[in-house]
Amino acid sequence: MDIIFILFMLVLISLNIVIFILFGKGKLNLMVSGIIMMILAPVFGYLTGASYLYFYDWSSGGTGEGAGYGGAFLGIFTLANGGLILVIGMIRWMIVTFITKEN
């Protein structure tokens, strides 16, 4: 189960690095990348929850609902990450639009 979480974090960190590299080169807007990350959140949540269920030890007598909770938590975590990127992009847009044009 730890390997799934580690892979999830590696994918999420890699996506963040790619987003900020593309933003630095001027090829991607932060608001657009935040929206894309928020759209990918349910996909990541479902994939991690399904992976947790696939590797769950059913002989232990549990129902596997913790796997669903884990997938939902990681989906919400991805949604929050996308929301943070979106908010950073909006703040940057406001600074560039309003403060730079005044000076």
C-alpha atoms as a PDB file:
ATOM      1  CA  MET A   1       0.000   0.000   0.000  1.00  0.00           C
ATOM      2  CA  ASP A   2       2.867   2.370   0.648  1.00  0.00           C
ATOM      3  CA  ILE A   3       4.148   1.920  -2.900  1.00  0.00           C
ATOM      4  CA  ILE A   4       0.830   3.205  -4.300  1.00  0.00           C
ATOM      5  CA  PHE A   5       1.047   6.319  -2.135  1.00  0.00           C
ATOM      6  CA  ILE A   6       4.688   6.877  -3.103  1.00  0.00           C
ATOM      7  CA  LEU A   7       3.837   6.523  -6.801  1.00  0.00           C
ATOM      8  CA  PHE A   8       0.924   8.923  -6.386  1.00  0.00           C
ATOM      9  CA  MET A   9       3.144  11.512  -4.737  1.00  0.00           C
ATOM     10  CA  LEU A  10       5.818  11.085  -7.427  1.00  0.00           C
ATOM     11  CA  VAL A  11       3.231  11.644 -10.167  1.00  0.00           C
ATOM     12  CA  LEU A  12       1.800  14.680  -8.392  1.00  0.00           C
ATOM     13  CA  ILE A  13       5.210  16.228  -7.755  1.00  0.00           C
ATOM     14  CA  SER A  14       6.238  15.524 -11.354  1.00  0.00           C
ATOM     15  CA  LEU A  15       3.075  17.209 -12.646  1.00  0.00           C
ATOM     16  CA  ASN A  16       3.755  20.254 -10.476  1.00  0.00           C
ATOM     17  CA  ILE A  17       7.340  20.471 -11.726  1.00  0.00           C
ATOM     18  CA  VAL A  18       6.214  20.191 -15.363  1.00  0.00           C
ATOM     19  CA  ILE A  19       3.536  22.839 -14.795  1.00  0.00           C
ATOM     20  CA  PHE A  20       5.989  25.342 -13.360  1.00  0.00           C
ATOM     21  CA  ILE A  21       8.632  24.603 -16.012  1.00  0.00           C
ATOM     22  CA  LEU A  22       6.076  25.193 -18.780  1.00  0.00           C
ATOM     23  CA  PHE A  23       4.874  28.323 -16.984  1.00  0.00           C
ATOM     24  CA  GLY A  24       8.444  29.596 -16.780  1.00  0.00           C
ATOM     25  CA  LYS A  25       8.878  29.102 -20.525  1.00  0.00           C
ATOM     26  CA  GLY A  26       5.621  30.954 -21.177  1.00  0.00           C
ATOM     27  CA  LYS A  27       3.837  27.980 -22.731  1.00  0.00           C
ATOM     28  CA  LEU A  28       1.214  27.365 -20.048  1.00  0.00           C
ATOM     29  CA  ASN A  29      -0.912  29.647 -17.909  1.00  0.00           C
ATOM     30  CA  LEU A  30      -1.167  28.826 -14.199  1.00  0.00           C
ATOM     31  CA  MET A  31      -4.941  29.234 -14.181  1.00  0.00           C
ATOM     32  CA  VAL A  32      -5.345  26.754 -17.028  1.00  0.00           C
ATOM     33  CA  SER A  33      -2.998  24.262 -15.392  1.00  0.00           C
ATOM     34  CA  GLY A  34      -4.885  24.593 -12.087  1.00  0.00           C
ATOM     35  CA  ILE A  35      -8.158  23.827 -13.850  1.00  0.00           C
ATOM     36  CA  ILE A  36      -6.563  20.832 -15.592  1.00  0.00           C
ATOM     37  CA  MET A  37      -5.252  19.549 -12.261  1.00  0.00           C
ATOM     38  CA  MET A  38      -8.695  19.952 -10.709  1.00  0.00           C
ATOM     39  CA  ILE A  39     -10.258  18.011 -13.591  1.00  0.00           C
ATOM     40  CA  LEU A  40      -7.691  15.228 -13.069  1.00  0.00           C
ATOM     41  CA  ALA A  41      -8.452  15.011  -9.321  1.00  0.00           C
ATOM     42  CA  PRO A  42     -11.357  12.524  -9.596  1.00  0.00           C
ATOM     43  CA  VAL A  43      -9.310  10.399 -11.990  1.00  0.00           C
ATOM     44  CA  PHE A  44      -6.398  10.243  -9.559  1.00  0.00           C
ATOM     45  CA  GLY A  45      -8.742   9.571  -6.638  1.00  0.00           C
ATOM     46  CA  TYR A  46     -10.480   6.758  -8.463  1.00  0.00           C
ATOM     47  CA  LEU A  47      -7.243   5.178  -9.687  1.00  0.00           C
ATOM     48  CA  THR A  48      -5.627   5.192  -6.258  1.00  0.00           C
ATOM     49  CA  GLY A  49      -8.790   3.895  -4.569  1.00  0.00           C
ATOM     50  CA  ALA A  50      -9.102   1.123  -7.149  1.00  0.00           C
ATOM     51  CA  SER A  51      -5.437   0.253  -6.721  1.00  0.00           C
ATOM     52  CA  TYR A  52      -5.851   0.105  -2.950  1.00  0.00           C
ATOM     53  CA  LEU A  53      -8.827  -2.211  -3.365  1.00  0.00           C
ATOM     54  CA  TYR A  54      -6.999  -4.400  -5.863  1.00  0.00           C
ATOM     55  CA  PHE A  55      -4.107  -4.983  -3.480  1.00  0.00           C
ATOM     56  CA  TYR A  56      -6.310  -5.227  -0.365  1.00  0.00           C
ATOM     57  CA  ASP A  57      -5.930  -8.349   1.753  1.00  0.00           C
ATOM     58  CA  TRP A  58      -9.461  -9.713   1.644  1.00  0.00           C
ATOM     59  CA  SER A  59      -8.584 -12.602   3.957  1.00  0.00           C
ATOM     60  CA  SER A  60      -8.343 -10.193   6.888  1.00  0.00           C
ATOM     61  CA  GLY A  61     -12.135 -10.030   7.067  1.00  0.00           C
ATOM     62  CA  GLY A  62     -12.556  -6.326   6.327  1.00  0.00           C
ATOM     63  CA  THR A  63     -14.806  -4.688   3.802  1.00  0.00           C
ATOM     64  CA  GLY A  64     -12.139  -2.550   2.145  1.00  0.00           C
ATOM     65  CA  GLU A  65     -13.842   0.755   2.853  1.00  0.00           C
ATOM     66  CA  GLY A  66     -10.549   2.227   4.026  1.00  0.00           C
ATOM     67  CA  ALA A  67      -9.269   1.858   0.477  1.00  0.00           C
ATOM     68  CA  GLY A  68     -12.150   3.990  -0.744  1.00  0.00           C
ATOM     69  CA  TYR A  69     -11.508   6.576   1.945  1.00  0.00           C
ATOM     70  CA  GLY A  70      -7.817   6.636   1.009  1.00  0.00           C
ATOM     71  CA  GLY A  71      -8.614   7.153  -2.654  1.00  0.00           C
ATOM     72  CA  ALA A  72     -11.106   9.899  -1.808  1.00  0.00           C
ATOM     73  CA  PHE A  73      -8.559  11.629   0.427  1.00  0.00           C
ATOM     74  CA  LEU A  74      -5.918  11.566  -2.312  1.00  0.00           C
ATOM     75  CA  GLY A  75      -8.475  12.882  -4.809  1.00  0.00           C
ATOM     76  CA  ILE A  76      -9.326  15.757  -2.477  1.00  0.00           C
ATOM     77  CA  PHE A  77      -5.612  16.377  -1.968  1.00  0.00           C
ATOM     78  CA  THR A  78      -5.147  16.633  -5.744  1.00  0.00           C
ATOM     79  CA  LEU A  79      -8.175  18.930  -5.990  1.00  0.00           C
ATOM     80  CA  ALA A  80      -6.697  21.207  -3.318  1.00  0.00           C
ATOM     81  CA  ASN A  81      -3.365  21.224  -5.148  1.00  0.00           C
ATOM     82  CA  GLY A  82      -5.093  22.271  -8.381  1.00  0.00           C
ATOM     83  CA  GLY A  83      -7.078  24.907  -6.490  1.00  0.00           C
ATOM     84  CA  LEU A  84      -3.887  26.307  -5.002  1.00  0.00           C
ATOM     85  CA  ILE A  85      -2.282  26.545  -8.439  1.00  0.00           C
ATOM     86  CA  LEU A  86      -5.453  28.224  -9.750  1.00  0.00           C
ATOM     87  CA  VAL A  87      -5.451  30.769  -6.906  1.00  0.00           C
ATOM     88  CA  ILE A  88      -1.739  31.509  -7.451  1.00  0.00           C
ATOM     89  CA  GLY A  89      -2.465  32.070 -11.146  1.00  0.00           C
ATOM     90  CA  MET A  90      -5.384  34.385 -10.359  1.00  0.00           C
ATOM     91  CA  ILE A  91      -3.322  36.426  -7.889  1.00  0.00           C
ATOM     92  CA  ARG A  92      -0.493  36.691 -10.412  1.00  0.00           C
ATOM     93  CA  TRP A  93      -2.947  37.751 -13.126  1.00  0.00           C
ATOM     94  CA  MET A  94      -4.400  40.459 -10.854  1.00  0.00           C
ATOM     95  CA  ILE A  95      -0.941  41.744  -9.971  1.00  0.00           C
ATOM     96  CA  VAL A  96       0.167  41.849 -13.601  1.00  0.00           C
ATOM     97  CA  THR A  97      -3.103  43.367 -14.828  1.00  0.00           C
ATOM     98  CA  PHE A  98      -3.864  45.978 -12.202  1.00  0.00           C
ATOM     99  CA  ILE A  99      -0.615  46.924 -10.501  1.00  0.00           C
ATOM    100  CA  THR A 100       1.618  46.906 -13.570  1.00  0.00           C
ATOM    101  CA  LYS A 101      -0.793  49.018 -15.648  1.00  0.00           C
ATOM    102  CA  GLU A 102      -1.071  51.646 -12.898  1.00  0.00           C
ATOM    103  CA  ASN A 103       2.681  52.238 -12.839  1.00  0.00           C
END
